[in-house]
PDB file of N, CA and C in Angstrom:
ATOM      1  N   MET A   1      22.542  27.172 -19.462  1.00  0.00           N
ATOM      2  CA  MET A   1      23.774  27.278 -20.155  1.00  0.00           C
ATOM      3  C   MET A   1      24.743  28.755 -19.260  1.00  0.00           C
ATOM      4  N   SER A   2      25.143  28.575 -18.754  1.00  0.00           N
ATOM      5  CA  SER A   2      26.060  29.636 -17.874  1.00  0.00           C
ATOM      6  C   SER A   2      26.853  30.894 -18.165  1.00  0.00           C
ATOM      7  N   VAL A   3      26.758  31.866 -19.023  1.00  0.00           N
ATOM      8  CA  VAL A   3      27.748  32.478 -19.946  1.00  0.00           C
ATOM      9  C   VAL A   3      27.696  33.884 -19.309  1.00  0.00           C
ATOM     10  N   ILE A   4      28.961  34.266 -19.150  1.00  0.00           N
ATOM     11  CA  ILE A   4      29.109  35.578 -18.885  1.00  0.00           C
ATOM     12  C   ILE A   4      30.301  36.191 -19.089  1.00  0.00           C
ATOM     13  N   ILE A   5      30.151  37.666 -19.426  1.00  0.00           N
ATOM     14  CA  ILE A   5      31.921  38.519 -20.368  1.00  0.00           C
ATOM     15  C   ILE A   5      31.900  39.613 -19.630  1.00  0.00           C
ATOM     16  N   TYR A   6      33.081  39.367 -18.692  1.00  0.00           N
ATOM     17  CA  TYR A   6      33.667  40.777 -18.660  1.00  0.00           C
ATOM     18  C   TYR A   6      34.026  41.422 -19.805  1.00  0.00           C
ATOM     19  N   HIS A   7      33.197  42.847 -19.731  1.00  0.00           N
ATOM     20  CA  HIS A   7      33.050  43.770 -20.831  1.00  0.00           C
ATOM     21  C   HIS A   7      33.080  45.086 -20.783  1.00  0.00           C
ATOM     22  N   ASN A   8      33.788  45.777 -21.475  1.00  0.00           N
ATOM     23  CA  ASN A   8      34.496  47.187 -21.786  1.00  0.00           C
ATOM     24  C   ASN A   8      33.643  47.417 -22.340  1.00  0.00           C
ATOM     25  N   ALA A   9      32.255  48.719 -22.740  1.00  0.00           N
ATOM     26  CA  ALA A   9      31.783  49.112 -23.577  1.00  0.00           C
ATOM     27  C   ALA A   9      32.421  49.574 -24.637  1.00  0.00           C
ATOM     28  N   ARG A  10      33.148  50.076 -24.226  1.00  0.00           N
ATOM     29  CA  ARG A  10      34.559  51.434 -24.956  1.00  0.00           C
ATOM     30  C   ARG A  10      34.998  50.464 -25.843  1.00  0.00           C
ATOM     31  N   CYS A  11      35.906  49.246 -25.812  1.00  0.00           N
ATOM     32  CA  CYS A  11      36.449  48.528 -26.522  1.00  0.00           C
ATOM     33  C   CYS A  11      35.879  47.996 -27.753  1.00  0.00           C
ATOM     34  N   SER A  12      35.919  48.154 -28.848  1.00  0.00           N
ATOM     35  CA  SER A  12      35.509  47.422 -30.331  1.00  0.00           C
ATOM     36  C   SER A  12      35.664  45.928 -30.455  1.00  0.00           C
ATOM     37  N   LYS A  13      36.431  45.237 -29.102  1.00  0.00           N
ATOM     38  CA  LYS A  13      36.916  43.867 -29.438  1.00  0.00           C
ATOM     39  C   LYS A  13      35.694  43.281 -28.964  1.00  0.00           C
ATOM     40  N   SER A  14      35.034  43.965 -27.720  1.00  0.00           N
ATOM     41  CA  SER A  14      34.437  42.995 -26.687  1.00  0.00           C
ATOM     42  C   SER A  14      33.359  43.575 -27.313  1.00  0.00           C
ATOM     43  N   ARG A  15      32.764  44.930 -27.512  1.00  0.00           N
ATOM     44  CA  ARG A  15      31.203  44.865 -27.961  1.00  0.00           C
ATOM     45  C   ARG A  15      31.342  43.715 -29.324  1.00  0.00           C
ATOM     46  N   GLU A  16      32.401  43.464 -30.470  1.00  0.00           N
ATOM     47  CA  GLU A  16      32.029  42.043 -31.424  1.00  0.00           C
ATOM     48  C   GLU A  16      31.746  41.055 -30.461  1.00  0.00           C
ATOM     49  N   THR A  17      32.747  41.002 -29.356  1.00  0.00           N
ATOM     50  CA  THR A  17      32.277  39.979 -28.948  1.00  0.00           C
ATOM     51  C   THR A  17      30.815  39.433 -28.554  1.00  0.00           C
ATOM     52  N   LEU A  18      31.097  40.131 -27.603  1.00  0.00           N
ATOM     53  CA  LEU A  18      28.931  40.612 -27.184  1.00  0.00           C
ATOM     54  C   LEU A  18      28.072  39.856 -28.381  1.00  0.00           C
ATOM     55  N   LYS A  19      28.429  40.892 -29.324  1.00  0.00           N
ATOM     56  CA  LYS A  19      27.570  40.661 -30.397  1.00  0.00           C
ATOM     57  C   LYS A  19      27.535  39.200 -31.206  1.00  0.00           C
ATOM     58  N   LEU A  20      28.768  38.867 -31.211  1.00  0.00           N
ATOM     59  CA  LEU A  20      29.021  37.537 -31.863  1.00  0.00           C
ATOM     60  C   LEU A  20      28.220  36.240 -30.815  1.00  0.00           C
ATOM     61  N   LEU A  21      28.281  36.401 -29.531  1.00  0.00           N
ATOM     62  CA  LEU A  21      27.439  35.402 -28.885  1.00  0.00           C
ATOM     63  C   LEU A  21      26.072  35.635 -28.549  1.00  0.00           C
ATOM     64  N   ASN A  22      25.739  37.085 -29.008  1.00  0.00           N
ATOM     65  CA  ASN A  22      24.277  36.914 -29.218  1.00  0.00           C
ATOM     66  C   ASN A  22      23.754  36.910 -30.699  1.00  0.00           C
ATOM     67  N   GLU A  23      24.317  36.700 -31.492  1.00  0.00           N
ATOM     68  CA  GLU A  23      24.366  35.867 -32.820  1.00  0.00           C
ATOM     69  C   GLU A  23      23.906  34.183 -32.697  1.00  0.00           C
ATOM     70  N   ASN A  24      24.787  33.785 -31.578  1.00  0.00           N
ATOM     71  CA  ASN A  24      25.009  32.499 -31.250  1.00  0.00           C
ATOM     72  C   ASN A  24      23.774  32.093 -29.961  1.00  0.00           C
ATOM     73  N   LYS A  25      22.351  33.150 -30.330  1.00  0.00           N
ATOM     74  CA  LYS A  25      21.457  32.720 -29.255  1.00  0.00           C
ATOM     75  C   LYS A  25      21.981  32.574 -27.533  1.00  0.00           C
ATOM     76  N   LEU A  26      23.027  33.463 -27.729  1.00  0.00           N
ATOM     77  CA  LEU A  26      23.478  33.014 -26.069  1.00  0.00           C
ATOM     78  C   LEU A  26      22.977  34.943 -25.761  1.00  0.00           C
ATOM     79  N   SER A  27      22.822  34.729 -24.128  1.00  0.00           N
ATOM     80  CA  SER A  27      22.815  36.285 -23.957  1.00  0.00           C
ATOM     81  C   SER A  27      23.495  35.975 -22.664  1.00  0.00           C
ATOM     82  N   PRO A  28      24.360  36.009 -22.268  1.00  0.00           N
ATOM     83  CA  PRO A  28      25.540  36.459 -21.071  1.00  0.00           C
ATOM     84  C   PRO A  28      25.154  37.739 -20.117  1.00  0.00           C
ATOM     85  N   GLU A  29      25.197  37.299 -18.833  1.00  0.00           N
ATOM     86  CA  GLU A  29      25.724  37.921 -17.838  1.00  0.00           C
ATOM     87  C   GLU A  29      26.801  39.334 -18.301  1.00  0.00           C
ATOM     88  N   ILE A  30      26.433  40.403 -18.177  1.00  0.00           N
ATOM     89  CA  ILE A  30      27.791  41.154 -18.534  1.00  0.00           C
ATOM     90  C   ILE A  30      27.785  42.050 -17.733  1.00  0.00           C
ATOM     91  N   ILE A  31      29.753  42.174 -17.117  1.00  0.00           N
ATOM     92  CA  ILE A  31      29.904  42.297 -16.244  1.00  0.00           C
ATOM     93  C   ILE A  31      30.595  43.340 -16.033  1.00  0.00           C
ATOM     94  N   GLU A  32      30.599  45.078 -16.668  1.00  0.00           N
ATOM     95  CA  GLU A  32      31.282  46.109 -16.838  1.00  0.00           C
ATOM     96  C   GLU A  32      32.436  46.063 -15.685  1.00  0.00           C
ATOM     97  N   TYR A  33      33.458  45.153 -15.676  1.00  0.00           N
ATOM     98  CA  TYR A  33      34.461  45.560 -14.571  1.00  0.00           C
ATOM     99  C   TYR A  33      35.292  46.657 -14.449  1.00  0.00           C
ATOM    100  N   LEU A  34      35.437  47.613 -15.344  1.00  0.00           N
ATOM    101  CA  LEU A  34      35.684  49.068 -14.999  1.00  0.00           C
ATOM    102  C   LEU A  34      35.031  49.614 -13.627  1.00  0.00           C
ATOM    103  N   LYS A  35      32.918  49.451 -14.238  1.00  0.00           N
ATOM    104  CA  LYS A  35      32.723  49.759 -13.294  1.00  0.00           C
ATOM    105  C   LYS A  35      31.966  48.855 -11.761  1.00  0.00           C
ATOM    106  N   THR A  36      33.030  47.751 -11.876  1.00  0.00           N
ATOM    107  CA  THR A  36      32.623  46.593 -11.362  1.00  0.00           C
ATOM    108  C   THR A  36      33.661  46.097 -10.733  1.00  0.00           C
ATOM    109  N   PRO A  37      34.965  46.720 -10.344  1.00  0.00           N
ATOM    110  CA  PRO A  37      36.161  45.623 -10.534  1.00  0.00           C
ATOM    111  C   PRO A  37      35.909  44.404  -9.872  1.00  0.00           C
ATOM    112  N   LEU A  38      36.919  43.459 -10.385  1.00  0.00           N
ATOM    113  CA  LEU A  38      36.939  41.938  -9.823  1.00  0.00           C
ATOM    114  C   LEU A  38      37.711  42.538  -8.644  1.00  0.00           C
ATOM    115  N   ASP A  39      37.277  41.024  -7.594  1.00  0.00           N
ATOM    116  CA  ASP A  39      38.303  40.271  -6.328  1.00  0.00           C
ATOM    117  C   ASP A  39      39.012  39.585  -6.775  1.00  0.00           C
ATOM    118  N   VAL A  40      40.062  39.596  -5.977  1.00  0.00           N
ATOM    119  CA  VAL A  40      41.188  38.889  -6.032  1.00  0.00           C
ATOM    120  C   VAL A  40      40.623  37.198  -6.161  1.00  0.00           C
ATOM    121  N   LYS A  41      40.124  36.695  -5.508  1.00  0.00           N
ATOM    122  CA  LYS A  41      39.473  35.347  -6.518  1.00  0.00           C
ATOM    123  C   LYS A  41      38.750  35.090  -7.155  1.00  0.00           C
ATOM    124  N   THR A  42      38.335  36.209  -7.748  1.00  0.00           N
ATOM    125  CA  THR A  42      37.361  36.469  -9.038  1.00  0.00           C
ATOM    126  C   THR A  42      38.640  35.978  -9.980  1.00  0.00           C
ATOM    127  N   ILE A  43      39.141  36.889  -9.981  1.00  0.00           N
ATOM    128  CA  ILE A  43      40.529  36.647 -10.697  1.00  0.00           C
ATOM    129  C   ILE A  43      41.179  35.113 -11.140  1.00  0.00           C
ATOM    130  N   GLU A  44      41.916  35.115  -9.772  1.00  0.00           N
ATOM    131  CA  GLU A  44      42.564  33.957  -9.401  1.00  0.00           C
ATOM    132  C   GLU A  44      41.593  32.115 -10.272  1.00  0.00           C
ATOM    133  N   ASN A  45      40.463  32.462 -10.134  1.00  0.00           N
ATOM    134  CA  ASN A  45      39.428  31.397 -10.900  1.00  0.00           C
ATOM    135  C   ASN A  45      39.302  31.736 -12.314  1.00  0.00           C
ATOM    136  N   LEU A  46      39.585  33.196 -12.671  1.00  0.00           N
ATOM    137  CA  LEU A  46      39.656  33.527 -14.189  1.00  0.00           C
ATOM    138  C   LEU A  46      40.852  33.191 -14.515  1.00  0.00           C
ATOM    139  N   LEU A  47      42.141  32.834 -13.806  1.00  0.00           N
ATOM    140  CA  LEU A  47      42.959  32.292 -14.546  1.00  0.00           C
ATOM    141  C   LEU A  47      43.546  30.744 -14.062  1.00  0.00           C
ATOM    142  N   ASP A  48      42.482  30.608 -13.524  1.00  0.00           N
ATOM    143  CA  ASP A  48      42.691  28.731 -13.237  1.00  0.00           C
ATOM    144  C   ASP A  48      42.210  28.337 -14.451  1.00  0.00           C
ATOM    145  N   MET A  49      40.491  29.449 -15.010  1.00  0.00           N
ATOM    146  CA  MET A  49      39.830  28.923 -16.626  1.00  0.00           C
ATOM    147  C   MET A  49      40.934  29.252 -17.344  1.00  0.00           C
ATOM    148  N   LEU A  50      41.437  30.510 -17.943  1.00  0.00           N
ATOM    149  CA  LEU A  50      42.008  30.729 -19.214  1.00  0.00           C
ATOM    150  C   LEU A  50      43.304  29.802 -19.242  1.00  0.00           C
ATOM    151  N   GLY A  51      43.810  28.535 -17.837  1.00  0.00           N
ATOM    152  CA  GLY A  51      44.982  28.626 -17.632  1.00  0.00           C
ATOM    153  C   GLY A  51      46.201  28.806 -18.344  1.00  0.00           C
ATOM    154  N   MET A  52      46.114  30.622 -17.544  1.00  0.00           N
ATOM    155  CA  MET A  52      47.196  31.302 -17.841  1.00  0.00           C
ATOM    156  C   MET A  52      47.428  31.707 -16.104  1.00  0.00           C
ATOM    157  N   GLU A  53      48.413  33.202 -16.557  1.00  0.00           N
ATOM    158  CA  GLU A  53      49.253  33.457 -15.687  1.00  0.00           C
ATOM    159  C   GLU A  53      48.903  34.727 -15.618  1.00  0.00           C
ATOM    160  N   PRO A  54      48.982  35.739 -14.455  1.00  0.00           N
ATOM    161  CA  PRO A  54      48.272  36.902 -14.172  1.00  0.00           C
ATOM    162  C   PRO A  54      48.826  37.856 -15.803  1.00  0.00           C
ATOM    163  N   ARG A  55      50.093  38.026 -15.481  1.00  0.00           N
ATOM    164  CA  ARG A  55      51.110  38.632 -16.961  1.00  0.00           C
ATOM    165  C   ARG A  55      50.398  38.437 -18.497  1.00  0.00           C
ATOM    166  N   ASP A  56      50.023  37.091 -18.521  1.00  0.00           N
ATOM    167  CA  ASP A  56      49.301  36.813 -19.173  1.00  0.00           C
ATOM    168  C   ASP A  56      48.106  37.429 -20.166  1.00  0.00           C
ATOM    169  N   ILE A  57      47.628  37.924 -18.507  1.00  0.00           N
ATOM    170  CA  ILE A  57      45.844  38.729 -18.673  1.00  0.00           C
ATOM    171  C   ILE A  57      45.886  40.138 -18.591  1.00  0.00           C
ATOM    172  N   MET A  58      47.215  40.799 -18.747  1.00  0.00           N
ATOM    173  CA  MET A  58      47.623  42.373 -18.864  1.00  0.00           C
ATOM    174  C   MET A  58      47.875  42.821 -19.944  1.00  0.00           C
ATOM    175  N   ARG A  59      47.374  44.510 -19.866  1.00  0.00           N
ATOM    176  CA  ARG A  59      47.213  44.729 -21.148  1.00  0.00           C
ATOM    177  C   ARG A  59      48.439  45.933 -20.684  1.00  0.00           C
ATOM    178  N   LYS A  60      49.498  45.292 -21.147  1.00  0.00           N
ATOM    179  CA  LYS A  60      51.029  46.244 -21.088  1.00  0.00           C
ATOM    180  C   LYS A  60      51.640  47.396 -21.394  1.00  0.00           C
ATOM    181  N   LYS A  61      50.370  47.960 -22.674  1.00  0.00           N
ATOM    182  CA  LYS A  61      50.625  48.843 -23.075  1.00  0.00           C
ATOM    183  C   LYS A  61      49.636  50.290 -22.449  1.00  0.00           C
ATOM    184  N   GLU A  62      48.905  49.307 -21.519  1.00  0.00           N
ATOM    185  CA  GLU A  62      47.542  50.648 -20.955  1.00  0.00           C
ATOM    186  C   GLU A  62      48.860  51.332 -19.478  1.00  0.00           C
ATOM    187  N   PRO A  63      48.383  52.659 -19.623  1.00  0.00           N
ATOM    188  CA  PRO A  63      48.828  53.485 -19.304  1.00  0.00           C
ATOM    189  C   PRO A  63      49.497  53.111 -17.268  1.00  0.00           C
ATOM    190  N   ASP A  64      48.232  52.413 -16.881  1.00  0.00           N
ATOM    191  CA  ASP A  64      48.218  51.664 -15.525  1.00  0.00           C
ATOM    192  C   ASP A  64      49.131  50.830 -15.688  1.00  0.00           C
ATOM    193  N   TYR A  65      49.542  50.115 -16.314  1.00  0.00           N
ATOM    194  CA  TYR A  65      50.843  49.030 -16.141  1.00  0.00           C
ATOM    195  C   TYR A  65      51.937  49.541 -16.138  1.00  0.00           C
ATOM    196  N   LYS A  66      52.216  50.807 -16.440  1.00  0.00           N
ATOM    197  CA  LYS A  66      53.827  51.597 -15.647  1.00  0.00           C
ATOM    198  C   LYS A  66      53.797  52.304 -14.903  1.00  0.00           C
ATOM    199  N   LYS A  67      52.834  53.019 -14.627  1.00  0.00           N
ATOM    200  CA  LYS A  67      52.196  53.984 -13.416  1.00  0.00           C
ATOM    201  C   LYS A  67      52.503  53.194 -11.795  1.00  0.00           C
ATOM    202  N   ALA A  68      51.722  51.963 -12.418  1.00  0.00           N
ATOM    203  CA  ALA A  68      51.398  51.065 -11.100  1.00  0.00           C
ATOM    204  C   ALA A  68      52.583  49.625 -10.434  1.00  0.00           C
ATOM    205  N   GLY A  69      53.756  50.163 -11.425  1.00  0.00           N
ATOM    206  CA  GLY A  69      55.268  49.275 -11.280  1.00  0.00           C
ATOM    207  C   GLY A  69      55.219  48.043 -11.832  1.00  0.00           C
ATOM    208  N   LEU A  70      53.940  47.335 -12.717  1.00  0.00           N
ATOM    209  CA  LEU A  70      53.590  45.959 -13.098  1.00  0.00           C
ATOM    210  C   LEU A  70      54.554  45.551 -14.073  1.00  0.00           C
ATOM    211  N   ASP A  71      55.451  46.561 -14.207  1.00  0.00           N
ATOM    212  CA  ASP A  71      56.782  46.276 -15.188  1.00  0.00           C
ATOM    213  C   ASP A  71      57.760  45.241 -14.887  1.00  0.00           C
ATOM    214  N   ASN A  72      58.106  45.417 -13.172  1.00  0.00           N
ATOM    215  CA  ASN A  72      58.789  44.900 -12.647  1.00  0.00           C
ATOM    216  C   ASN A  72      58.742  43.118 -12.695  1.00  0.00           C
ATOM    217  N   GLN A  73      59.437  42.284 -12.947  1.00  0.00           N
ATOM    218  CA  GLN A  73      59.398  41.100 -13.466  1.00  0.00           C
ATOM    219  C   GLN A  73      59.970  40.419 -11.829  1.00  0.00           C
ATOM    220  N   LYS A  74      59.950  41.195 -11.102  1.00  0.00           N
ATOM    221  CA  LYS A  74      60.448  40.189  -9.423  1.00  0.00           C
ATOM    222  C   LYS A  74      59.020  40.130  -9.200  1.00  0.00           C
ATOM    223  N   LEU A  75      57.765  40.627  -9.610  1.00  0.00           N
ATOM    224  CA  LEU A  75      56.590  40.520  -8.783  1.00  0.00           C
ATOM    225  C   LEU A  75      56.073  39.489  -8.371  1.00  0.00           C
ATOM    226  N   SER A  76      55.235  39.257  -7.286  1.00  0.00           N
ATOM    227  CA  SER A  76      55.076  37.689  -7.188  1.00  0.00           C
ATOM    228  C   SER A  76      53.117  37.727  -8.001  1.00  0.00           C
ATOM    229  N   ARG A  77      53.418  36.414  -8.201  1.00  0.00           N
ATOM    230  CA  ARG A  77      51.897  36.194  -8.604  1.00  0.00           C
ATOM    231  C   ARG A  77      50.940  36.621  -7.955  1.00  0.00           C
ATOM    232  N   LYS A  78      51.154  36.751  -6.653  1.00  0.00           N
ATOM    233  CA  LYS A  78      49.886  37.634  -5.457  1.00  0.00           C
ATOM    234  C   LYS A  78      49.873  38.966  -5.959  1.00  0.00           C
ATOM    235  N   LYS A  79      51.224  39.272  -6.094  1.00  0.00           N
ATOM    236  CA  LYS A  79      51.007  40.504  -6.073  1.00  0.00           C
ATOM    237  C   LYS A  79      50.347  41.267  -7.611  1.00  0.00           C
ATOM    238  N   LEU A  80      50.472  40.604  -8.354  1.00  0.00           N
ATOM    239  CA  LEU A  80      50.125  40.534  -9.881  1.00  0.00           C
ATOM    240  C   LEU A  80      48.348  40.473  -9.672  1.00  0.00           C
ATOM    241  N   ILE A  81      48.271  39.340  -8.935  1.00  0.00           N
ATOM    242  CA  ILE A  81      46.842  39.438  -9.182  1.00  0.00           C
ATOM    243  C   ILE A  81      45.798  40.653  -8.438  1.00  0.00           C
ATOM    244  N   GLU A  82      46.716  41.078  -6.917  1.00  0.00           N
ATOM    245  CA  GLU A  82      46.567  42.146  -5.839  1.00  0.00           C
ATOM    246  C   GLU A  82      45.955  43.212  -6.871  1.00  0.00           C
ATOM    247  N   ALA A  83      47.176  43.674  -7.926  1.00  0.00           N
ATOM    248  CA  ALA A  83      47.310  44.468  -8.923  1.00  0.00           C
ATOM    249  C   ALA A  83      46.238  44.660  -9.770  1.00  0.00           C
ATOM    250  N   LEU A  84      45.972  43.167 -10.571  1.00  0.00           N
ATOM    251  CA  LEU A  84      45.267  43.946 -11.320  1.00  0.00           C
ATOM    252  C   LEU A  84      43.021  44.030 -10.871  1.00  0.00           C
ATOM    253  N   ALA A  85      43.362  43.519  -9.713  1.00  0.00           N
ATOM    254  CA  ALA A  85      41.992  43.877  -8.397  1.00  0.00           C
ATOM    255  C   ALA A  85      42.453  45.337  -8.748  1.00  0.00           C
ATOM    256  N   ALA A  86      43.546  46.117  -8.134  1.00  0.00           N
ATOM    257  CA  ALA A  86      43.176  47.350  -7.886  1.00  0.00           C
ATOM    258  C   ALA A  86      43.170  48.187  -9.586  1.00  0.00           C
ATOM    259  N   HIS A  87      43.713  47.545 -10.350  1.00  0.00           N
ATOM    260  CA  HIS A  87      44.050  48.384 -11.332  1.00  0.00           C
ATOM    261  C   HIS A  87      43.386  47.570 -12.897  1.00  0.00           C
ATOM    262  N   PRO A  88      41.993  48.077 -12.848  1.00  0.00           N
ATOM    263  CA  PRO A  88      41.151  47.094 -13.571  1.00  0.00           C
ATOM    264  C   PRO A  88      41.336  47.356 -15.114  1.00  0.00           C
ATOM    265  N   SER A  89      41.567  48.830 -15.220  1.00  0.00           N
ATOM    266  CA  SER A  89      42.199  48.693 -16.684  1.00  0.00           C
ATOM    267  C   SER A  89      43.333  48.451 -17.392  1.00  0.00           C
ATOM    268  N   VAL A  90      43.625  47.578 -16.406  1.00  0.00           N
ATOM    269  CA  VAL A  90      45.016  46.849 -16.845  1.00  0.00           C
ATOM    270  C   VAL A  90      44.568  45.370 -17.704  1.00  0.00           C
ATOM    271  N   LEU A  91      43.815  44.476 -17.449  1.00  0.00           N
ATOM    272  CA  LEU A  91      43.328  43.290 -17.304  1.00  0.00           C
ATOM    273  C   LEU A  91      43.042  43.433 -19.275  1.00  0.00           C
ATOM    274  N   GLU A  92      43.225  42.345 -19.237  1.00  0.00           N
ATOM    275  CA  GLU A  92      42.701  41.655 -21.163  1.00  0.00           C
ATOM    276  C   GLU A  92      41.366  41.865 -21.087  1.00  0.00           C
ATOM    277  N   ARG A  93      40.885  42.382 -22.226  1.00  0.00           N
ATOM    278  CA  ARG A  93      39.401  41.835 -22.519  1.00  0.00           C
ATOM    279  C   ARG A  93      38.894  41.743 -23.960  1.00  0.00           C
ATOM    280  N   PRO A  94      37.950  41.042 -24.156  1.00  0.00           N
ATOM    281  CA  PRO A  94      36.900  40.817 -22.898  1.00  0.00           C
ATOM    282  C   PRO A  94      37.138  38.855 -22.333  1.00  0.00           C
ATOM    283  N   ILE A  95      36.764  38.957 -21.617  1.00  0.00           N
ATOM    284  CA  ILE A  95      36.806  37.471 -20.692  1.00  0.00           C
ATOM    285  C   ILE A  95      35.826  37.362 -20.815  1.00  0.00           C
ATOM    286  N   VAL A  96      35.353  35.857 -21.772  1.00  0.00           N
ATOM    287  CA  VAL A  96      34.103  35.215 -21.640  1.00  0.00           C
ATOM    288  C   VAL A  96      34.085  33.967 -20.867  1.00  0.00           C
ATOM    289  N   VAL A  97      33.391  33.236 -20.074  1.00  0.00           N
ATOM    290  CA  VAL A  97      32.654  32.290 -19.293  1.00  0.00           C
ATOM    291  C   VAL A  97      31.382  31.536 -19.800  1.00  0.00           C
ATOM    292  N   ILE A  98      32.077  30.073 -20.181  1.00  0.00           N
ATOM    293  CA  ILE A  98      30.864  29.795 -20.418  1.00  0.00           C
ATOM    294  C   ILE A  98      30.928  28.252 -20.307  1.00  0.00           C
ATOM    295  N   ASN A  99      30.549  27.815 -18.585  1.00  0.00           N
ATOM    296  CA  ASN A  99      30.083  26.807 -18.508  1.00  0.00           C
ATOM    297  C   ASN A  99      32.007  26.324 -18.088  1.00  0.00           C
ATOM    298  N   ASN A 100      32.221  27.255 -16.643  1.00  0.00           N
ATOM    299  CA  ASN A 100      33.197  27.165 -16.236  1.00  0.00           C
ATOM    300  C   ASN A 100      34.545  26.834 -17.066  1.00  0.00           C
ATOM    301  N   LYS A 101      34.554  27.204 -18.577  1.00  0.00           N
ATOM    302  CA  LYS A 101      35.881  27.150 -19.592  1.00  0.00           C
ATOM    303  C   LYS A 101      35.717  28.934 -20.171  1.00  0.00           C
ATOM    304  N   ALA A 102      37.051  29.520 -19.732  1.00  0.00           N
ATOM    305  CA  ALA A 102      36.983  30.486 -19.904  1.00  0.00           C
ATOM    306  C   ALA A 102      37.894  30.963 -21.514  1.00  0.00           C
ATOM    307  N   VAL A 103      37.607  31.975 -22.382  1.00  0.00           N
ATOM    308  CA  VAL A 103      38.665  32.407 -23.200  1.00  0.00           C
ATOM    309  C   VAL A 103      38.928  33.897 -23.466  1.00  0.00           C
ATOM    310  N   ILE A 104      39.807  34.473 -23.546  1.00  0.00           N
ATOM    311  CA  ILE A 104      39.547  35.971 -24.318  1.00  0.00           C
ATOM    312  C   ILE A 104      39.192  36.150 -25.363  1.00  0.00           C
ATOM    313  N   GLY A 105      38.705  37.119 -25.721  1.00  0.00           N
ATOM    314  CA  GLY A 105      37.871  37.428 -26.933  1.00  0.00           C
ATOM    315  C   GLY A 105      38.615  38.322 -27.870  1.00  0.00           C
ATOM    316  N   ARG A 106      39.984  37.993 -28.053  1.00  0.00           N
ATOM    317  CA  ARG A 106      40.500  38.638 -28.706  1.00  0.00           C
ATOM    318  C   ARG A 106      41.880  37.159 -29.962  1.00  0.00           C
ATOM    319  N   PRO A 107      40.857  37.413 -30.859  1.00  0.00           N
ATOM    320  CA  PRO A 107      40.106  37.589 -31.702  1.00  0.00           C
ATOM    321  C   PRO A 107      38.535  37.261 -31.280  1.00  0.00           C
ATOM    322  N   PRO A 108      37.410  38.441 -31.446  1.00  0.00           N
ATOM    323  CA  PRO A 108      36.489  37.733 -30.647  1.00  0.00           C
ATOM    324  C   PRO A 108      35.786  36.059 -31.293  1.00  0.00           C
ATOM    325  N   GLU A 109      36.356  35.955 -32.684  1.00  0.00           N
ATOM    326  CA  GLU A 109      35.926  34.405 -33.108  1.00  0.00           C
ATOM    327  C   GLU A 109      36.590  33.195 -31.583  1.00  0.00           C
ATOM    328  N   ASN A 110      37.806  33.509 -30.765  1.00  0.00           N
ATOM    329  CA  ASN A 110      37.516  32.822 -29.743  1.00  0.00           C
ATOM    330  C   ASN A 110      36.949  32.575 -29.025  1.00  0.00           C
ATOM    331  N   VAL A 111      35.520  33.164 -28.838  1.00  0.00           N
ATOM    332  CA  VAL A 111      34.800  32.175 -27.853  1.00  0.00           C
ATOM    333  C   VAL A 111      34.085  31.410 -28.960  1.00  0.00           C
ATOM    334  N   LEU A 112      34.338  30.901 -29.750  1.00  0.00           N
ATOM    335  CA  LEU A 112      33.261  29.437 -30.575  1.00  0.00           C
ATOM    336  C   LEU A 112      33.980  28.478 -30.469  1.00  0.00           C
ATOM    337  N   SER A 113      35.267  28.788 -29.662  1.00  0.00           N
ATOM    338  CA  SER A 113      35.860  27.565 -29.466  1.00  0.00           C
ATOM    339  C   SER A 113      35.014  26.930 -27.615  1.00  0.00           C
ATOM    340  N   ILE A 114      34.447  27.687 -26.915  1.00  0.00           N
ATOM    341  CA  ILE A 114      33.536  27.019 -25.867  1.00  0.00           C
ATOM    342  C   ILE A 114      32.199  26.776 -25.695  1.00  0.00           C
ATOM    343  N   ILE A 115      31.835  27.822 -27.035  1.00  0.00           N
ATOM    344  CA  ILE A 115      30.288  26.978 -27.464  1.00  0.00           C
ATOM    345  C   ILE A 115      29.569  25.638 -27.214  1.00  0.00           C
TER     346      ILE A 115
END
């Protein structure tokens, strides 16, 4: 079983989600997206698996959200995805992918729906 967590170790929800995966005998590949930002293609794939749009996975209270002008409602989907790649701190976390299905671990128990 392929399991990936896009993880921020400083985030309590991300740590709780990782713990929940481990408690369910899953050993995910851990991608620390702040250290290794995601590329546009990966973000597009995540959006497809999540069934969401770019704004759905953006942390709107993050300082970089406003600094990068992401509150501009006229930005195209392509521009928003490029902005997520350029400003990884804006990405909602954690995102867990199990066998090509993805969820945002907020709350952490969301991952149980794809195990």
